[in-house]
């Protein structure tokens, strides 16, 4: 499956198996983005619902959804203002169409439109 995770305001394209455990998805994305200094992150759906890190990603997330990953409140010693959070979210929303195009370019064969697996 493929989807996007917004990590502290920056959108990241993700492709993984439906059976992958959410905690492993979180770990992989944090390593990919260099956000390995915090140990307590939480992933949320667009409506704000918190995902259980022990669930399998394909059981709770639909293909193509945008997820949000951020340090759990009170972790890391830094607090963002509402304005900083809104600016990060605006930047992430602006980057999503470009990320969609890049994702399609990577996972589609131009000659027949088939998705690579």
N, C-alpha and C. Protein backbone atom coordinates (compact mmCIF):
# COMPACT_ATOMS: atom_id res chain seq x y z
N UNK A 1 0.83 -1.17 0.00
CA UNK A 1 0.00 0.00 0.00
C UNK A 1 0.88 1.24 0.00
N UNK A 2 0.30 2.35 -0.43
CA UNK A 2 1.06 3.59 -0.43
C UNK A 2 0.20 4.71 0.14
N UNK A 3 0.87 5.59 0.87
CA UNK A 3 0.19 6.69 1.53
C UNK A 3 1.25 7.72 1.91
N UNK A 4 0.83 8.80 2.53
CA UNK A 4 1.76 9.83 2.97
C UNK A 4 1.68 9.99 4.47
N UNK A 5 2.82 10.27 5.08
CA UNK A 5 2.86 10.59 6.50
C UNK A 5 3.47 11.98 6.62
N UNK A 6 2.76 12.87 7.28
CA UNK A 6 3.27 14.21 7.54
C UNK A 6 4.01 14.14 8.87
N UNK A 7 5.34 14.30 8.81
CA UNK A 7 6.19 14.20 10.00
C UNK A 7 6.54 15.61 10.46
N UNK A 8 5.94 16.03 11.54
CA UNK A 8 6.17 17.38 12.08
C UNK A 8 6.07 18.44 10.99
N UNK A 9 5.07 18.29 10.11
CA UNK A 9 4.79 19.29 9.10
C UNK A 9 5.39 19.02 7.73
N UNK A 10 6.20 17.99 7.57
CA UNK A 10 6.83 17.66 6.29
C UNK A 10 6.26 16.35 5.77
N UNK A 11 5.72 16.36 4.53
CA UNK A 11 5.10 15.17 3.95
C UNK A 11 6.15 14.19 3.42
N UNK A 12 5.95 12.89 3.73
CA UNK A 12 6.87 11.84 3.31
C UNK A 12 6.04 10.73 2.64
N UNK A 13 6.45 10.33 1.44
CA UNK A 13 5.78 9.22 0.74
C UNK A 13 6.22 7.90 1.37
N UNK A 14 5.23 7.02 1.59
CA UNK A 14 5.51 5.73 2.20
C UNK A 14 4.88 4.63 1.36
N UNK A 15 5.60 3.55 1.22
CA UNK A 15 5.07 2.36 0.54
C UNK A 15 5.47 1.17 1.39
N UNK A 16 4.49 0.36 1.79
CA UNK A 16 4.79 -0.80 2.62
C UNK A 16 3.69 -1.86 2.46
N UNK A 17 3.94 -3.01 3.04
CA UNK A 17 2.95 -4.08 3.03
C UNK A 17 1.85 -3.77 4.03
N UNK A 18 0.65 -4.24 3.74
CA UNK A 18 -0.49 -4.03 4.63
C UNK A 18 -0.30 -4.69 5.99
N UNK A 19 0.55 -5.69 6.05
CA UNK A 19 0.75 -6.44 7.28
C UNK A 19 1.78 -5.80 8.22
N UNK A 20 2.41 -4.72 7.80
CA UNK A 20 3.44 -4.08 8.62
C UNK A 20 2.81 -3.45 9.86
N UNK A 21 3.45 -3.65 10.99
CA UNK A 21 2.96 -3.10 12.25
C UNK A 21 3.24 -1.59 12.28
N UNK A 22 2.28 -0.82 12.78
CA UNK A 22 2.39 0.65 12.76
C UNK A 22 3.65 1.14 13.47
N UNK A 23 4.04 0.50 14.57
CA UNK A 23 5.25 0.95 15.27
C UNK A 23 6.48 0.83 14.37
N UNK A 24 6.51 -0.17 13.50
CA UNK A 24 7.63 -0.34 12.57
C UNK A 24 7.57 0.72 11.47
N UNK A 25 6.36 1.05 11.00
CA UNK A 25 6.20 2.12 10.02
C UNK A 25 6.73 3.43 10.62
N UNK A 26 6.35 3.70 11.88
CA UNK A 26 6.81 4.91 12.56
C UNK A 26 8.33 4.93 12.64
N UNK A 27 8.91 3.83 13.08
CA UNK A 27 10.36 3.73 13.22
C UNK A 27 11.07 3.97 11.89
N UNK A 28 10.57 3.36 10.82
CA UNK A 28 11.19 3.51 9.50
C UNK A 28 11.11 4.95 9.00
N UNK A 29 9.96 5.59 9.17
CA UNK A 29 9.79 6.96 8.71
C UNK A 29 10.67 7.92 9.52
N UNK A 30 10.75 7.70 10.82
CA UNK A 30 11.59 8.56 11.66
C UNK A 30 13.06 8.42 11.26
N UNK A 31 13.49 7.20 10.98
CA UNK A 31 14.87 6.99 10.55
C UNK A 31 15.11 7.66 9.20
N UNK A 32 14.15 7.52 8.29
CA UNK A 32 14.28 8.11 6.95
C UNK A 32 14.37 9.63 7.01
N UNK A 33 13.65 10.25 7.94
CA UNK A 33 13.62 11.71 8.03
C UNK A 33 14.65 12.27 9.01
N UNK A 34 15.40 11.39 9.67
CA UNK A 34 16.42 11.84 10.61
C UNK A 34 15.88 12.28 11.95
N UNK A 35 14.63 11.97 12.24
CA UNK A 35 14.00 12.33 13.51
C UNK A 35 14.13 11.18 14.51
N UNK A 36 15.36 10.85 14.85
CA UNK A 36 15.58 9.70 15.73
C UNK A 36 15.91 10.11 17.16
N UNK A 37 15.87 11.40 17.46
CA UNK A 37 16.22 11.85 18.81
C UNK A 37 15.07 11.66 19.79
N UNK A 38 13.85 11.62 19.30
CA UNK A 38 12.70 11.41 20.18
C UNK A 38 12.33 9.94 20.17
N UNK A 39 11.87 9.43 21.30
CA UNK A 39 11.51 8.01 21.35
C UNK A 39 10.01 7.81 21.47
N UNK A 40 9.24 8.86 21.65
CA UNK A 40 7.82 8.71 21.91
C UNK A 40 7.00 9.52 20.91
N UNK A 41 6.65 8.88 19.80
CA UNK A 41 5.90 9.53 18.74
C UNK A 41 4.52 8.91 18.66
N UNK A 42 3.57 9.66 18.11
CA UNK A 42 2.23 9.13 17.89
C UNK A 42 1.76 9.45 16.48
N UNK A 43 1.02 8.51 15.91
CA UNK A 43 0.51 8.67 14.56
C UNK A 43 -1.01 8.83 14.64
N UNK A 44 -1.50 9.78 13.86
CA UNK A 44 -2.94 10.07 13.88
C UNK A 44 -3.51 10.07 12.46
N UNK A 45 -4.79 9.75 12.38
CA UNK A 45 -5.54 9.85 11.13
C UNK A 45 -5.87 11.32 10.88
N UNK A 46 -6.31 11.66 9.67
CA UNK A 46 -6.65 13.06 9.37
C UNK A 46 -7.72 13.65 10.31
N UNK A 47 -8.60 12.79 10.84
CA UNK A 47 -9.64 13.29 11.75
C UNK A 47 -9.14 13.43 13.19
N UNK A 48 -7.84 13.13 13.42
CA UNK A 48 -7.24 13.30 14.74
C UNK A 48 -7.21 12.06 15.60
N UNK A 49 -7.84 10.97 15.14
CA UNK A 49 -7.84 9.74 15.95
C UNK A 49 -6.43 9.15 16.02
N UNK A 50 -6.04 8.74 17.21
CA UNK A 50 -4.74 8.15 17.47
C UNK A 50 -4.73 6.69 17.00
N UNK A 51 -3.65 6.28 16.32
CA UNK A 51 -3.51 4.89 15.87
C UNK A 51 -2.75 4.10 16.93
N UNK A 52 -3.16 2.86 17.13
CA UNK A 52 -2.48 1.96 18.06
C UNK A 52 -1.21 1.46 17.38
N UNK A 53 -0.04 1.65 17.99
CA UNK A 53 1.22 1.24 17.35
C UNK A 53 1.35 -0.27 17.15
N UNK A 54 0.48 -1.06 17.76
CA UNK A 54 0.58 -2.51 17.63
C UNK A 54 -0.37 -3.07 16.57
N UNK A 55 -1.20 -2.21 15.98
CA UNK A 55 -2.08 -2.64 14.89
C UNK A 55 -1.28 -2.77 13.61
N UNK A 56 -1.81 -3.55 12.68
CA UNK A 56 -1.21 -3.63 11.34
C UNK A 56 -1.76 -2.47 10.52
N UNK A 57 -0.90 -1.83 9.75
CA UNK A 57 -1.25 -0.62 9.02
C UNK A 57 -2.45 -0.84 8.10
N UNK A 58 -2.50 -1.97 7.42
CA UNK A 58 -3.58 -2.25 6.48
C UNK A 58 -4.92 -2.50 7.14
N UNK A 59 -4.93 -2.80 8.43
CA UNK A 59 -6.19 -3.03 9.15
C UNK A 59 -6.88 -1.73 9.54
N UNK A 60 -6.15 -0.62 9.59
CA UNK A 60 -6.74 0.62 10.09
C UNK A 60 -6.59 1.81 9.15
N UNK A 61 -5.80 1.66 8.09
CA UNK A 61 -5.52 2.78 7.19
C UNK A 61 -5.85 2.37 5.76
N UNK A 62 -6.54 3.25 5.04
CA UNK A 62 -6.85 3.01 3.63
C UNK A 62 -5.68 3.48 2.76
N UNK A 63 -5.53 2.86 1.62
CA UNK A 63 -4.52 3.27 0.65
C UNK A 63 -4.75 4.74 0.28
N UNK A 64 -3.66 5.51 0.21
CA UNK A 64 -3.75 6.90 -0.23
C UNK A 64 -4.06 7.91 0.85
N UNK A 65 -4.28 7.47 2.08
CA UNK A 65 -4.62 8.40 3.16
C UNK A 65 -3.39 9.20 3.59
N UNK A 66 -3.60 10.36 4.16
CA UNK A 66 -2.52 11.17 4.73
C UNK A 66 -2.56 11.00 6.25
N UNK A 67 -1.46 10.51 6.81
CA UNK A 67 -1.35 10.34 8.26
C UNK A 67 -0.47 11.44 8.83
N UNK A 68 -0.55 11.63 10.13
CA UNK A 68 0.22 12.68 10.79
C UNK A 68 1.00 12.08 11.94
N UNK A 69 2.32 12.31 11.95
CA UNK A 69 3.22 11.76 12.95
C UNK A 69 3.92 12.91 13.66
N UNK A 70 3.85 12.91 14.98
CA UNK A 70 4.46 13.98 15.75
C UNK A 70 4.88 13.44 17.11
N UNK A 71 5.85 14.09 17.76
CA UNK A 71 6.22 13.66 19.10
C UNK A 71 5.00 13.78 20.03
N UNK A 72 4.87 12.82 20.92
CA UNK A 72 3.79 12.88 21.90
C UNK A 72 3.93 14.16 22.71
N UNK A 73 2.84 14.78 23.04
CA UNK A 73 2.86 16.06 23.79
C UNK A 73 3.72 15.93 25.03
N UNK A 74 4.57 16.93 25.23
CA UNK A 74 5.43 16.96 26.41
C UNK A 74 6.75 16.23 26.24
N UNK A 75 7.01 15.66 25.06
CA UNK A 75 8.24 14.91 24.82
C UNK A 75 9.22 15.81 24.07
N UNK A 76 10.47 15.77 24.45
CA UNK A 76 11.51 16.47 23.70
C UNK A 76 11.83 17.86 24.20
N UNK A 77 11.06 18.37 25.13
CA UNK A 77 11.39 19.64 25.74
C UNK A 77 11.01 20.87 24.94
N UNK A 78 10.59 20.74 23.69
CA UNK A 78 10.22 21.90 22.89
C UNK A 78 8.72 21.89 22.63
N UNK A 79 8.12 23.06 22.65
CA UNK A 79 6.70 23.18 22.38
C UNK A 79 6.52 24.14 21.23
N UNK A 80 5.71 23.75 20.25
CA UNK A 80 5.41 24.62 19.13
C UNK A 80 4.20 25.47 19.46
N UNK A 81 4.21 26.69 18.97
CA UNK A 81 3.05 27.56 19.13
C UNK A 81 1.99 27.13 18.12
N UNK A 82 0.77 27.57 18.34
CA UNK A 82 -0.32 27.27 17.40
C UNK A 82 0.02 27.80 16.01
N UNK A 83 0.66 28.97 15.95
CA UNK A 83 1.03 29.55 14.67
C UNK A 83 2.08 28.69 13.96
N UNK A 84 3.06 28.18 14.70
CA UNK A 84 4.09 27.32 14.11
C UNK A 84 3.46 26.02 13.59
N UNK A 85 2.56 25.47 14.35
CA UNK A 85 1.88 24.23 13.92
C UNK A 85 1.08 24.49 12.65
N UNK A 86 0.33 25.59 12.63
CA UNK A 86 -0.47 25.92 11.45
C UNK A 86 0.42 26.16 10.24
N UNK A 87 1.55 26.84 10.42
CA UNK A 87 2.49 27.06 9.31
C UNK A 87 3.04 25.74 8.78
N UNK A 88 3.39 24.83 9.69
CA UNK A 88 3.88 23.51 9.28
C UNK A 88 2.80 22.74 8.52
N UNK A 89 1.56 22.81 9.00
CA UNK A 89 0.47 22.10 8.32
C UNK A 89 0.21 22.71 6.94
N UNK A 90 0.25 24.04 6.84
CA UNK A 90 0.06 24.70 5.54
C UNK A 90 1.14 24.27 4.55
N UNK A 91 2.39 24.21 5.03
CA UNK A 91 3.50 23.78 4.18
C UNK A 91 3.30 22.33 3.72
N UNK A 92 2.87 21.47 4.63
CA UNK A 92 2.64 20.06 4.29
C UNK A 92 1.51 19.93 3.27
N UNK A 93 0.42 20.69 3.47
CA UNK A 93 -0.71 20.64 2.53
C UNK A 93 -0.26 21.10 1.14
N UNK A 94 0.60 22.11 1.08
CA UNK A 94 1.10 22.62 -0.20
C UNK A 94 1.99 21.60 -0.90
N UNK A 95 2.71 20.79 -0.12
CA UNK A 95 3.64 19.81 -0.70
C UNK A 95 2.95 18.53 -1.15
N UNK A 96 1.76 18.24 -0.67
CA UNK A 96 1.11 16.96 -0.96
C UNK A 96 0.87 16.73 -2.46
N UNK A 97 0.38 17.71 -3.24
CA UNK A 97 0.20 17.44 -4.68
C UNK A 97 1.51 17.08 -5.38
N UNK A 98 2.59 17.78 -5.04
CA UNK A 98 3.89 17.49 -5.65
C UNK A 98 4.36 16.09 -5.25
N UNK A 99 4.12 15.73 -4.00
CA UNK A 99 4.50 14.41 -3.52
C UNK A 99 3.69 13.32 -4.22
N UNK A 100 2.40 13.58 -4.47
CA UNK A 100 1.57 12.64 -5.22
C UNK A 100 2.16 12.37 -6.59
N UNK A 101 2.56 13.42 -7.28
CA UNK A 101 3.13 13.28 -8.62
C UNK A 101 4.41 12.46 -8.59
N UNK A 102 5.27 12.73 -7.59
CA UNK A 102 6.52 11.98 -7.46
C UNK A 102 6.25 10.51 -7.17
N UNK A 103 5.29 10.26 -6.30
CA UNK A 103 4.94 8.88 -5.93
C UNK A 103 4.43 8.13 -7.14
N UNK A 104 3.54 8.77 -7.92
CA UNK A 104 3.03 8.12 -9.13
C UNK A 104 4.15 7.86 -10.13
N UNK A 105 5.09 8.78 -10.25
CA UNK A 105 6.20 8.60 -11.19
C UNK A 105 7.09 7.43 -10.79
N UNK A 106 7.25 7.20 -9.51
CA UNK A 106 8.11 6.13 -9.02
C UNK A 106 7.43 4.77 -9.15
N UNK A 107 6.14 4.70 -8.83
CA UNK A 107 5.46 3.40 -8.74
C UNK A 107 4.64 3.02 -9.95
N UNK A 108 4.68 3.78 -11.01
CA UNK A 108 3.92 3.43 -12.21
C UNK A 108 4.85 3.29 -13.41
N UNK A 109 4.57 2.28 -14.21
CA UNK A 109 5.30 2.10 -15.46
C UNK A 109 4.61 2.92 -16.53
N UNK A 110 5.33 3.81 -17.20
CA UNK A 110 4.68 4.71 -18.16
C UNK A 110 4.04 4.01 -19.35
N UNK A 111 4.60 2.86 -19.77
CA UNK A 111 4.09 2.22 -20.98
C UNK A 111 2.74 1.54 -20.79
N UNK A 112 2.42 1.08 -19.58
CA UNK A 112 1.15 0.39 -19.41
C UNK A 112 0.37 0.81 -18.17
N UNK A 113 0.89 1.74 -17.41
CA UNK A 113 0.18 2.24 -16.25
C UNK A 113 0.06 1.27 -15.09
N UNK A 114 0.80 0.16 -15.12
CA UNK A 114 0.71 -0.84 -14.07
C UNK A 114 1.49 -0.36 -12.83
N UNK A 115 0.96 -0.68 -11.68
CA UNK A 115 1.63 -0.35 -10.44
C UNK A 115 2.70 -1.39 -10.15
N UNK A 116 3.91 -0.94 -9.81
CA UNK A 116 4.99 -1.87 -9.44
C UNK A 116 4.69 -2.44 -8.07
N UNK A 117 4.99 -3.68 -7.84
CA UNK A 117 4.76 -4.32 -6.54
C UNK A 117 6.03 -4.95 -6.05
